[in-house]
Amino acid sequence: MRYPIAIEMGDESHSCGVVVPDLPGCFSAGDTVDEAITNAHEAVLLHLETYLDEGRAFPKPLPIEEHRKNPEFDGWIWAMVSVDLSQLDDKVERVNITLPKRVLRVIDEGAKRSGESRSAFLAKAGIEAARHQ
């Protein structure tokens, strides 16, 4: 899936700002246009993960030409961010991990307190950790 991004050029004291018009609230920045595009890609992925977590469908991207008609983006430059939706696949995958027994005990105690399976507890912890980076 390809999302158009609008880039507001920066200057010596301001970064380039990025807005993803099809994903309200999704924005990013970078010191250069290339960095802004790279950071926008990550922002789009994280934003789409939020849609998944909330059980919402992904918004369909409009063509750049539709967005260029919006006077809010007058003078901005446009690029596309391509997202590999397989990176957002929720298909269950079995994994084999190695942990010290004391760590496994702590995980199992936490899972029991929260009324979750070990797998659900670890998945939730991983998602929470990623959100707070």
C-alpha atoms as a PDB file:
ATOM      1  CA  MET A   1       0.000   0.000   0.000  1.00  0.00           C
ATOM      2  CA  ARG A   2       1.332   3.455  -0.864  1.00  0.00           C
ATOM      3  CA  TYR A   3       0.482   6.545   1.183  1.00  0.00           C
ATOM      4  CA  PRO A   4       1.139  10.068  -0.096  1.00  0.00           C
ATOM      5  CA  ILE A   5       3.064  12.283   2.304  1.00  0.00           C
ATOM      6  CA  ALA A   6       3.262  16.079   2.307  1.00  0.00           C
ATOM      7  CA  ILE A   7       6.635  17.549   3.254  1.00  0.00           C
ATOM      8  CA  GLU A   8       7.004  21.102   4.486  1.00  0.00           C
ATOM      9  CA  MET A   9      10.558  22.195   3.799  1.00  0.00           C
ATOM     10  CA  GLY A  10      12.692  23.185   6.758  1.00  0.00           C
ATOM     11  CA  ASP A  11      15.487  25.680   7.022  1.00  0.00           C
ATOM     12  CA  GLU A  12      18.724  26.050   8.983  1.00  0.00           C
ATOM     13  CA  SER A  13      16.851  26.142  12.295  1.00  0.00           C
ATOM     14  CA  HIS A  14      13.783  23.973  11.487  1.00  0.00           C
ATOM     15  CA  SER A  15      13.379  20.360  10.420  1.00  0.00           C
ATOM     16  CA  CYS A  16      11.298  19.254   7.456  1.00  0.00           C
ATOM     17  CA  GLY A  17       7.791  18.459   8.665  1.00  0.00           C
ATOM     18  CA  VAL A  18       5.785  15.543   7.275  1.00  0.00           C
ATOM     19  CA  VAL A  19       2.027  14.970   7.295  1.00  0.00           C
ATOM     20  CA  VAL A  20       0.227  11.843   6.068  1.00  0.00           C
ATOM     21  CA  PRO A  21      -3.139  13.273   4.967  1.00  0.00           C
ATOM     22  CA  ASP A  22      -4.882   9.888   4.727  1.00  0.00           C
ATOM     23  CA  LEU A  23      -3.926   8.982   8.303  1.00  0.00           C
ATOM     24  CA  PRO A  24      -5.205  11.737  10.606  1.00  0.00           C
ATOM     25  CA  GLY A  25      -2.736  12.394  13.404  1.00  0.00           C
ATOM     26  CA  CYS A  26       0.153  10.717  11.582  1.00  0.00           C
ATOM     27  CA  PHE A  27       3.092  13.059  11.218  1.00  0.00           C
ATOM     28  CA  SER A  28       6.866  13.020  11.355  1.00  0.00           C
ATOM     29  CA  ALA A  29       9.928  15.143  10.650  1.00  0.00           C
ATOM     30  CA  GLY A  30      13.551  14.963   9.605  1.00  0.00           C
ATOM     31  CA  ASP A  31      16.576  17.209   9.233  1.00  0.00           C
ATOM     32  CA  THR A  32      16.690  16.438   5.491  1.00  0.00           C
ATOM     33  CA  VAL A  33      14.016  15.468   2.982  1.00  0.00           C
ATOM     34  CA  ASP A  34      15.466  11.935   2.796  1.00  0.00           C
ATOM     35  CA  GLU A  35      15.405  11.603   6.583  1.00  0.00           C
ATOM     36  CA  ALA A  36      11.859  12.982   6.670  1.00  0.00           C
ATOM     37  CA  ILE A  37      10.694  10.331   4.186  1.00  0.00           C
ATOM     38  CA  THR A  38      12.446   7.550   6.124  1.00  0.00           C
ATOM     39  CA  ASN A  39      10.902   8.739   9.397  1.00  0.00           C
ATOM     40  CA  ALA A  40       7.495   9.045   7.741  1.00  0.00           C
ATOM     41  CA  HIS A  41       7.674   5.379   6.734  1.00  0.00           C
ATOM     42  CA  GLU A  42       8.181   4.392  10.376  1.00  0.00           C
ATOM     43  CA  ALA A  43       5.388   6.730  11.492  1.00  0.00           C
ATOM     44  CA  VAL A  44       2.979   5.185   8.976  1.00  0.00           C
ATOM     45  CA  LEU A  45       3.803   1.651  10.167  1.00  0.00           C
ATOM     46  CA  LEU A  46       3.272   2.607  13.808  1.00  0.00           C
ATOM     47  CA  HIS A  47       0.037   4.415  12.957  1.00  0.00           C
ATOM     48  CA  LEU A  48      -1.291   1.398  11.063  1.00  0.00           C
ATOM     49  CA  GLU A  49      -0.381  -0.843  14.011  1.00  0.00           C
ATOM     50  CA  THR A  50      -2.649   1.345  16.136  1.00  0.00           C
ATOM     51  CA  TYR A  51      -5.468   0.739  13.653  1.00  0.00           C
ATOM     52  CA  LEU A  52      -4.835  -3.012  13.984  1.00  0.00           C
ATOM     53  CA  ASP A  53      -4.777  -2.851  17.783  1.00  0.00           C
ATOM     54  CA  GLU A  54      -8.097  -0.990  17.753  1.00  0.00           C
ATOM     55  CA  GLY A  55      -9.677  -3.368  15.215  1.00  0.00           C
ATOM     56  CA  ARG A  56     -10.140  -0.613  12.628  1.00  0.00           C
ATOM     57  CA  ALA A  57      -9.685  -0.955   8.873  1.00  0.00           C
ATOM     58  CA  PHE A  58      -6.809   0.876   7.220  1.00  0.00           C
ATOM     59  CA  PRO A  59      -7.839   4.077   5.441  1.00  0.00           C
ATOM     60  CA  LYS A  60      -7.503   3.861   1.689  1.00  0.00           C
ATOM     61  CA  PRO A  61      -4.951   6.348   0.370  1.00  0.00           C
ATOM     62  CA  LEU A  62      -6.160   8.996  -2.038  1.00  0.00           C
ATOM     63  CA  PRO A  63      -4.110   9.999  -5.079  1.00  0.00           C
ATOM     64  CA  ILE A  64      -1.581  12.781  -4.504  1.00  0.00           C
ATOM     65  CA  GLU A  65      -3.481  14.960  -6.969  1.00  0.00           C
ATOM     66  CA  GLU A  66      -6.526  14.923  -4.659  1.00  0.00           C
ATOM     67  CA  HIS A  67      -4.433  16.153  -1.746  1.00  0.00           C
ATOM     68  CA  ARG A  68      -2.612  18.779  -3.821  1.00  0.00           C
ATOM     69  CA  LYS A  69      -5.951  20.544  -4.277  1.00  0.00           C
ATOM     70  CA  ASN A  70      -6.008  21.252  -0.538  1.00  0.00           C
ATOM     71  CA  PRO A  71      -4.744  24.819   0.022  1.00  0.00           C
ATOM     72  CA  GLU A  72      -3.376  23.740   3.417  1.00  0.00           C
ATOM     73  CA  PHE A  73      -0.537  22.018   1.542  1.00  0.00           C
ATOM     74  CA  ASP A  74       0.237  24.869  -0.845  1.00  0.00           C
ATOM     75  CA  GLY A  75       3.998  24.963  -1.458  1.00  0.00           C
ATOM     76  CA  TRP A  76       4.666  21.566   0.158  1.00  0.00           C
ATOM     77  CA  ILE A  77       6.429  18.817  -1.754  1.00  0.00           C
ATOM     78  CA  TRP A  78       4.983  15.342  -2.164  1.00  0.00           C
ATOM     79  CA  ALA A  79       6.369  11.830  -1.929  1.00  0.00           C
ATOM     80  CA  MET A  80       5.012   8.330  -1.470  1.00  0.00           C
ATOM     81  CA  VAL A  81       5.619   5.951   1.409  1.00  0.00           C
ATOM     82  CA  SER A  82       5.282   2.319   0.417  1.00  0.00           C
ATOM     83  CA  VAL A  83       4.173  -0.012   3.218  1.00  0.00           C
ATOM     84  CA  ASP A  84       4.575  -3.762   3.021  1.00  0.00           C
ATOM     85  CA  LEU A  85       1.390  -4.929   4.730  1.00  0.00           C
ATOM     86  CA  SER A  86       2.989  -8.306   5.442  1.00  0.00           C
ATOM     87  CA  GLN A  87       4.972  -6.452   8.133  1.00  0.00           C
ATOM     88  CA  LEU A  88       1.650  -5.962   9.893  1.00  0.00           C
ATOM     89  CA  ASP A  89       0.518  -9.575   9.580  1.00  0.00           C
ATOM     90  CA  ASP A  90      -1.203 -10.857  12.731  1.00  0.00           C
ATOM     91  CA  LYS A  91      -0.811 -14.489  11.710  1.00  0.00           C
ATOM     92  CA  VAL A  92       0.264 -16.524  14.718  1.00  0.00           C
ATOM     93  CA  GLU A  93       3.783 -17.877  14.489  1.00  0.00           C
ATOM     94  CA  ARG A  94       5.298 -20.416  16.841  1.00  0.00           C
ATOM     95  CA  VAL A  95       8.714 -19.407  18.187  1.00  0.00           C
ATOM     96  CA  ASN A  96      11.293 -21.076  20.362  1.00  0.00           C
ATOM     97  CA  ILE A  97      13.057 -18.844  22.887  1.00  0.00           C
ATOM     98  CA  THR A  98      15.603 -19.481  25.604  1.00  0.00           C
ATOM     99  CA  LEU A  99      15.273 -17.738  28.973  1.00  0.00           C
ATOM    100  CA  PRO A 100      16.809 -18.163  32.402  1.00  0.00           C
ATOM    101  CA  LYS A 101      14.469 -20.048  34.751  1.00  0.00           C
ATOM    102  CA  ARG A 102      14.120 -17.073  37.084  1.00  0.00           C
ATOM    103  CA  VAL A 103      13.008 -14.836  34.181  1.00  0.00           C
ATOM    104  CA  LEU A 104      10.496 -17.451  33.048  1.00  0.00           C
ATOM    105  CA  ARG A 105       9.185 -17.657  36.631  1.00  0.00           C
ATOM    106  CA  VAL A 106       8.685 -13.865  36.730  1.00  0.00           C
ATOM    107  CA  ILE A 107       6.900 -13.970  33.355  1.00  0.00           C
ATOM    108  CA  ASP A 108       4.635 -16.812  34.469  1.00  0.00           C
ATOM    109  CA  GLU A 109       3.794 -15.032  37.731  1.00  0.00           C
ATOM    110  CA  GLY A 110       2.938 -11.861  35.827  1.00  0.00           C
ATOM    111  CA  ALA A 111       0.797 -13.816  33.351  1.00  0.00           C
ATOM    112  CA  LYS A 112      -1.046 -15.547  36.183  1.00  0.00           C
ATOM    113  CA  ARG A 113      -1.718 -12.226  37.978  1.00  0.00           C
ATOM    114  CA  SER A 114      -3.108 -10.713  34.802  1.00  0.00           C
ATOM    115  CA  GLY A 115      -5.146 -13.821  33.929  1.00  0.00           C
ATOM    116  CA  GLU A 116      -3.331 -14.325  30.631  1.00  0.00           C
ATOM    117  CA  SER A 117      -1.381 -17.101  29.008  1.00  0.00           C
ATOM    118  CA  ARG A 118       2.392 -16.795  28.853  1.00  0.00           C
ATOM    119  CA  SER A 119       2.179 -16.038  25.128  1.00  0.00           C
ATOM    120  CA  ALA A 120      -0.476 -13.346  25.557  1.00  0.00           C
ATOM    121  CA  PHE A 121       1.460 -11.782  28.430  1.00  0.00           C
ATOM    122  CA  LEU A 122       4.699 -11.636  26.414  1.00  0.00           C
ATOM    123  CA  ALA A 123       2.919 -10.280  23.348  1.00  0.00           C
ATOM    124  CA  LYS A 124       1.259  -7.535  25.390  1.00  0.00           C
ATOM    125  CA  ALA A 125       4.588  -6.653  27.069  1.00  0.00           C
ATOM    126  CA  GLY A 126       6.302  -6.465  23.678  1.00  0.00           C
ATOM    127  CA  ILE A 127       3.650  -4.187  22.225  1.00  0.00           C
ATOM    128  CA  GLU A 128       3.757  -1.911  25.277  1.00  0.00           C
ATOM    129  CA  ALA A 129       7.561  -1.730  25.150  1.00  0.00           C
ATOM    130  CA  ALA A 130       7.492  -0.784  21.463  1.00  0.00           C
ATOM    131  CA  ARG A 131       4.976   2.002  22.127  1.00  0.00           C
ATOM    132  CA  HIS A 132       7.220   3.573  24.747  1.00  0.00           C
ATOM    133  CA  GLN A 133      10.434   3.692  22.706  1.00  0.00           C
END
